[in-house]
Amino acid sequence: MMSRSSLETLVAEVGDALKKHDKLIVTAESCTGGLIAEALTSVAGSTAWFDRAFVTYSYESKHEMLGVKEVTLQHKGAVSQECVEEMVIGALQESHAAISIACSGIAGPGGGTPDKPVGTVWISWAMQGHDEIISKLYHFDGDRNAVRLACTVEALQGVLRLLSED
């Protein structure tokens, strides 16, 4: 598990990269409950590169705040590539940010199924001006806190990868 100081270092790297590229970031979070936004805003000066966060735990909030289609939620579920891709685009559209992160998963300890066990998480990243949405499926180990932290770390590392390609 990543230490608090290691997470702070990662967040500082993300903030520096966002400043260097003159981009704002937005988060659309479900299973992390705002942990990514909390990590990003824990750094002094984050107002220079952090726009806002959407914590959309329910189907209704995903639909109402981010425009996730009801048919997606009913047929694919919240823990699906389709859902996080609609979340990541909705967050960009409902913000002033140029980069977006979205995540949805099963942090546990309950809620898992044989098809989607506890620790299953989808993360998506998108950037204004880029047609491609990057989405990855993860299977994190550990308890609820470990899954949420692992998702946060992967989401932030994904931002660094995205910016390094820009």
C-alpha atoms as a PDB file:
ATOM      1  CA  MET A   1       0.000   0.000   0.000  1.00  0.00           C
ATOM      2  CA  MET A   2       1.236   3.478  -0.843  1.00  0.00           C
ATOM      3  CA  SER A   3       2.279   5.658   2.087  1.00  0.00           C
ATOM      4  CA  ARG A   4       0.746   9.062   2.693  1.00  0.00           C
ATOM      5  CA  SER A   5       4.042  10.778   1.806  1.00  0.00           C
ATOM      6  CA  SER A   6       4.281   8.791  -1.447  1.00  0.00           C
ATOM      7  CA  LEU A   7       0.727   9.835  -2.338  1.00  0.00           C
ATOM      8  CA  GLU A   8       1.613  13.473  -1.598  1.00  0.00           C
ATOM      9  CA  THR A   9       4.642  13.165  -3.890  1.00  0.00           C
ATOM     10  CA  LEU A  10       2.474  11.689  -6.660  1.00  0.00           C
ATOM     11  CA  VAL A  11      -0.096  14.473  -6.273  1.00  0.00           C
ATOM     12  CA  ALA A  12       2.663  17.104  -6.421  1.00  0.00           C
ATOM     13  CA  GLU A  13       3.918  15.517  -9.664  1.00  0.00           C
ATOM     14  CA  VAL A  14       0.396  15.592 -11.114  1.00  0.00           C
ATOM     15  CA  GLY A  15      -0.029  19.228 -10.086  1.00  0.00           C
ATOM     16  CA  ASP A  16       3.318  20.202 -11.628  1.00  0.00           C
ATOM     17  CA  ALA A  17       2.426  18.403 -14.878  1.00  0.00           C
ATOM     18  CA  LEU A  18      -0.996  20.081 -15.029  1.00  0.00           C
ATOM     19  CA  LYS A  19       0.603  23.506 -14.435  1.00  0.00           C
ATOM     20  CA  LYS A  20       3.280  22.834 -17.067  1.00  0.00           C
ATOM     21  CA  HIS A  21       0.575  21.955 -19.613  1.00  0.00           C
ATOM     22  CA  ASP A  22      -1.696  24.794 -18.382  1.00  0.00           C
ATOM     23  CA  LYS A  23      -4.633  22.434 -17.844  1.00  0.00           C
ATOM     24  CA  LEU A  24      -7.383  22.124 -15.246  1.00  0.00           C
ATOM     25  CA  ILE A  25      -8.597  18.729 -14.022  1.00  0.00           C
ATOM     26  CA  VAL A  26     -12.031  17.455 -12.999  1.00  0.00           C
ATOM     27  CA  THR A  27     -12.933  14.195 -11.278  1.00  0.00           C
ATOM     28  CA  ALA A  28     -16.084  12.076 -11.548  1.00  0.00           C
ATOM     29  CA  GLU A  29     -15.938   9.573  -8.721  1.00  0.00           C
ATOM     30  CA  SER A  30     -18.114   6.775  -7.471  1.00  0.00           C
ATOM     31  CA  CYS A  31     -16.285   4.061  -5.490  1.00  0.00           C
ATOM     32  CA  THR A  32     -13.647   6.500  -4.203  1.00  0.00           C
ATOM     33  CA  GLY A  33     -16.268   8.859  -2.787  1.00  0.00           C
ATOM     34  CA  GLY A  34     -14.175  11.949  -3.484  1.00  0.00           C
ATOM     35  CA  LEU A  35     -10.819  10.530  -2.394  1.00  0.00           C
ATOM     36  CA  ILE A  36      -9.156  11.512  -5.688  1.00  0.00           C
ATOM     37  CA  ALA A  37     -10.402  15.092  -5.329  1.00  0.00           C
ATOM     38  CA  GLU A  38      -9.320  15.141  -1.679  1.00  0.00           C
ATOM     39  CA  ALA A  39      -5.827  14.005  -2.644  1.00  0.00           C
ATOM     40  CA  LEU A  40      -5.582  16.576  -5.429  1.00  0.00           C
ATOM     41  CA  THR A  41      -6.757  19.454  -3.248  1.00  0.00           C
ATOM     42  CA  SER A  42      -4.495  18.505  -0.329  1.00  0.00           C
ATOM     43  CA  VAL A  43      -1.652  20.293  -2.130  1.00  0.00           C
ATOM     44  CA  ALA A  44      -1.288  24.023  -1.572  1.00  0.00           C
ATOM     45  CA  GLY A  45      -1.830  25.912  -4.814  1.00  0.00           C
ATOM     46  CA  SER A  46      -4.122  23.292  -6.322  1.00  0.00           C
ATOM     47  CA  THR A  47      -6.563  26.044  -7.300  1.00  0.00           C
ATOM     48  CA  ALA A  48      -4.212  26.683 -10.238  1.00  0.00           C
ATOM     49  CA  TRP A  49      -5.047  23.284 -11.778  1.00  0.00           C
ATOM     50  CA  PHE A  50      -8.075  21.734 -10.007  1.00  0.00           C
ATOM     51  CA  ASP A  51     -11.520  22.751 -11.273  1.00  0.00           C
ATOM     52  CA  ARG A  52     -14.124  20.598  -9.508  1.00  0.00           C
ATOM     53  CA  ALA A  53     -15.271  17.135  -8.526  1.00  0.00           C
ATOM     54  CA  PHE A  54     -18.430  15.131  -8.995  1.00  0.00           C
ATOM     55  CA  VAL A  55     -19.126  12.418  -6.438  1.00  0.00           C
ATOM     56  CA  THR A  56     -21.857  10.409  -8.103  1.00  0.00           C
ATOM     57  CA  TYR A  57     -22.589   7.343  -6.025  1.00  0.00           C
ATOM     58  CA  SER A  58     -26.153   6.637  -7.145  1.00  0.00           C
ATOM     59  CA  TYR A  59     -27.446   5.833 -10.606  1.00  0.00           C
ATOM     60  CA  GLU A  60     -29.583   8.986 -10.409  1.00  0.00           C
ATOM     61  CA  SER A  61     -26.606  11.234  -9.691  1.00  0.00           C
ATOM     62  CA  LYS A  62     -24.585   9.711 -12.536  1.00  0.00           C
ATOM     63  CA  HIS A  63     -27.513  10.395 -14.882  1.00  0.00           C
ATOM     64  CA  GLU A  64     -28.499  13.831 -13.546  1.00  0.00           C
ATOM     65  CA  MET A  65     -25.039  15.343 -12.989  1.00  0.00           C
ATOM     66  CA  LEU A  66     -22.954  13.689 -15.695  1.00  0.00           C
ATOM     67  CA  GLY A  67     -25.469  12.651 -18.334  1.00  0.00           C
ATOM     68  CA  VAL A  68     -24.847   8.914 -18.059  1.00  0.00           C
ATOM     69  CA  LYS A  69     -27.600   7.323 -20.112  1.00  0.00           C
ATOM     70  CA  GLU A  70     -30.262   5.428 -18.195  1.00  0.00           C
ATOM     71  CA  VAL A  71     -29.987   2.603 -20.714  1.00  0.00           C
ATOM     72  CA  THR A  72     -26.262   2.295 -19.916  1.00  0.00           C
ATOM     73  CA  LEU A  73     -26.942   2.069 -16.205  1.00  0.00           C
ATOM     74  CA  GLN A  74     -29.780  -0.440 -16.638  1.00  0.00           C
ATOM     75  CA  HIS A  75     -28.072  -2.716 -19.158  1.00  0.00           C
ATOM     76  CA  LYS A  76     -24.345  -2.375 -18.345  1.00  0.00           C
ATOM     77  CA  GLY A  77     -24.411  -1.176 -14.730  1.00  0.00           C
ATOM     78  CA  ALA A  78     -22.376   1.472 -12.952  1.00  0.00           C
ATOM     79  CA  VAL A  79     -19.278  -0.731 -12.886  1.00  0.00           C
ATOM     80  CA  SER A  80     -18.733  -0.870 -16.631  1.00  0.00           C
ATOM     81  CA  GLN A  81     -16.528   0.638 -19.280  1.00  0.00           C
ATOM     82  CA  GLU A  82     -19.554   2.283 -20.886  1.00  0.00           C
ATOM     83  CA  CYS A  83     -20.568   3.982 -17.643  1.00  0.00           C
ATOM     84  CA  VAL A  84     -17.136   5.408 -16.768  1.00  0.00           C
ATOM     85  CA  GLU A  85     -16.667   6.634 -20.327  1.00  0.00           C
ATOM     86  CA  GLU A  86     -19.967   8.507 -20.166  1.00  0.00           C
ATOM     87  CA  MET A  87     -18.947   9.824 -16.728  1.00  0.00           C
ATOM     88  CA  VAL A  88     -15.553  11.070 -17.948  1.00  0.00           C
ATOM     89  CA  ILE A  89     -17.113  12.886 -20.916  1.00  0.00           C
ATOM     90  CA  GLY A  90     -19.931  14.308 -18.784  1.00  0.00           C
ATOM     91  CA  ALA A  91     -17.416  15.691 -16.291  1.00  0.00           C
ATOM     92  CA  LEU A  92     -15.535  17.467 -19.082  1.00  0.00           C
ATOM     93  CA  GLN A  93     -18.766  18.878 -20.480  1.00  0.00           C
ATOM     94  CA  GLU A  94     -19.953  20.102 -17.061  1.00  0.00           C
ATOM     95  CA  SER A  95     -16.663  21.780 -16.092  1.00  0.00           C
ATOM     96  CA  HIS A  96     -13.966  24.151 -17.280  1.00  0.00           C
ATOM     97  CA  ALA A  97     -11.366  21.385 -17.128  1.00  0.00           C
ATOM     98  CA  ALA A  98      -9.322  20.007 -19.998  1.00  0.00           C
ATOM     99  CA  ILE A  99      -8.570  16.667 -18.322  1.00  0.00           C
ATOM    100  CA  SER A 100     -11.047  14.342 -16.669  1.00  0.00           C
ATOM    101  CA  ILE A 101     -10.820  11.212 -14.532  1.00  0.00           C
ATOM    102  CA  ALA A 102     -13.792   8.940 -13.844  1.00  0.00           C
ATOM    103  CA  CYS A 103     -13.988   5.801 -11.735  1.00  0.00           C
ATOM    104  CA  SER A 104     -16.632   3.336 -10.673  1.00  0.00           C
ATOM    105  CA  GLY A 105     -16.167   0.055  -8.890  1.00  0.00           C
ATOM    106  CA  ILE A 106     -16.871  -2.241  -5.998  1.00  0.00           C
ATOM    107  CA  ALA A 107     -14.821  -1.256  -2.960  1.00  0.00           C
ATOM    108  CA  GLY A 108     -16.440  -3.821  -0.666  1.00  0.00           C
ATOM    109  CA  PRO A 109     -16.709  -5.530   1.612  1.00  0.00           C
ATOM    110  CA  GLY A 110     -20.114  -6.354   0.088  1.00  0.00           C
ATOM    111  CA  GLY A 111     -21.592  -5.754  -3.333  1.00  0.00           C
ATOM    112  CA  GLY A 112     -19.429  -8.105  -5.326  1.00  0.00           C
ATOM    113  CA  THR A 113     -20.757 -10.730  -7.720  1.00  0.00           C
ATOM    114  CA  PRO A 114     -19.054 -13.612  -9.544  1.00  0.00           C
ATOM    115  CA  ASP A 115     -18.818 -11.403 -12.656  1.00  0.00           C
ATOM    116  CA  LYS A 116     -17.754  -8.299 -10.737  1.00  0.00           C
ATOM    117  CA  PRO A 117     -16.026  -9.293  -7.493  1.00  0.00           C
ATOM    118  CA  VAL A 118     -14.999  -6.834  -4.787  1.00  0.00           C
ATOM    119  CA  GLY A 119     -12.006  -4.876  -6.055  1.00  0.00           C
ATOM    120  CA  THR A 120     -13.337  -4.576  -9.622  1.00  0.00           C
ATOM    121  CA  VAL A 121     -12.859  -0.979 -10.755  1.00  0.00           C
ATOM    122  CA  TRP A 122     -13.111   0.812 -14.092  1.00  0.00           C
ATOM    123  CA  ILE A 123     -11.129   4.038 -14.563  1.00  0.00           C
ATOM    124  CA  SER A 124     -11.340   6.348 -17.579  1.00  0.00           C
ATOM    125  CA  TRP A 125      -9.332   9.386 -18.585  1.00  0.00           C
ATOM    126  CA  ALA A 126     -10.160  11.954 -21.252  1.00  0.00           C
ATOM    127  CA  MET A 127      -8.628  15.184 -22.505  1.00  0.00           C
ATOM    128  CA  GLN A 128     -10.204  18.027 -24.451  1.00  0.00           C
ATOM    129  CA  GLY A 129      -9.037  17.960 -28.062  1.00  0.00           C
ATOM    130  CA  HIS A 130      -8.283  14.227 -28.008  1.00  0.00           C
ATOM    131  CA  ASP A 131     -10.793  11.846 -29.532  1.00  0.00           C
ATOM    132  CA  GLU A 132      -9.610   8.837 -27.570  1.00  0.00           C
ATOM    133  CA  ILE A 133     -10.940   7.946 -24.144  1.00  0.00           C
ATOM    134  CA  ILE A 134      -8.579   5.710 -22.219  1.00  0.00           C
ATOM    135  CA  SER A 135     -10.326   3.116 -20.062  1.00  0.00           C
ATOM    136  CA  LYS A 136      -8.858   0.342 -17.971  1.00  0.00           C
ATOM    137  CA  LEU A 137     -10.332  -2.433 -15.866  1.00  0.00           C
ATOM    138  CA  TYR A 138      -8.586  -3.170 -12.572  1.00  0.00           C
ATOM    139  CA  HIS A 139      -8.942  -5.875  -9.942  1.00  0.00           C
ATOM    140  CA  PHE A 140      -7.521  -4.441  -6.736  1.00  0.00           C
ATOM    141  CA  ASP A 141      -6.801  -6.536  -3.651  1.00  0.00           C
ATOM    142  CA  GLY A 142      -7.471  -5.643  -0.048  1.00  0.00           C
ATOM    143  CA  ASP A 143     -10.157  -4.116   2.083  1.00  0.00           C
ATOM    144  CA  ARG A 144     -12.366  -1.150   1.215  1.00  0.00           C
ATOM    145  CA  ASN A 145      -9.709   1.430   2.081  1.00  0.00           C
ATOM    146  CA  ALA A 146      -7.045  -0.415   0.085  1.00  0.00           C
ATOM    147  CA  VAL A 147      -9.283  -0.609  -3.003  1.00  0.00           C
ATOM    148  CA  ARG A 148     -10.167   3.089  -2.785  1.00  0.00           C
ATOM    149  CA  LEU A 149      -6.529   4.100  -2.323  1.00  0.00           C
ATOM    150  CA  ALA A 150      -5.320   1.845  -5.160  1.00  0.00           C
ATOM    151  CA  CYS A 151      -7.932   3.378  -7.463  1.00  0.00           C
ATOM    152  CA  THR A 152      -6.823   6.884  -6.469  1.00  0.00           C
ATOM    153  CA  VAL A 153      -3.163   6.080  -7.150  1.00  0.00           C
ATOM    154  CA  GLU A 154      -3.908   4.475 -10.538  1.00  0.00           C
ATOM    155  CA  ALA A 155      -6.140   7.393 -11.526  1.00  0.00           C
ATOM    156  CA  LEU A 156      -3.399   9.901 -10.735  1.00  0.00           C
ATOM    157  CA  GLN A 157      -0.678   7.855 -12.438  1.00  0.00           C
ATOM    158  CA  GLY A 158      -2.940   7.727 -15.496  1.00  0.00           C
ATOM    159  CA  VAL A 159      -3.037  11.526 -15.568  1.00  0.00           C
ATOM    160  CA  LEU A 160       0.766  11.599 -15.650  1.00  0.00           C
ATOM    161  CA  ARG A 161       0.789   9.087 -18.523  1.00  0.00           C
ATOM    162  CA  LEU A 162      -1.813  11.108 -20.428  1.00  0.00           C
ATOM    163  CA  LEU A 163       0.106  14.363 -20.002  1.00  0.00           C
ATOM    164  CA  SER A 164       3.410  12.763 -20.990  1.00  0.00           C
ATOM    165  CA  GLU A 165       1.860  11.876 -24.354  1.00  0.00           C
ATOM    166  CA  ASP A 166       0.511  15.387 -24.952  1.00  0.00           C
END
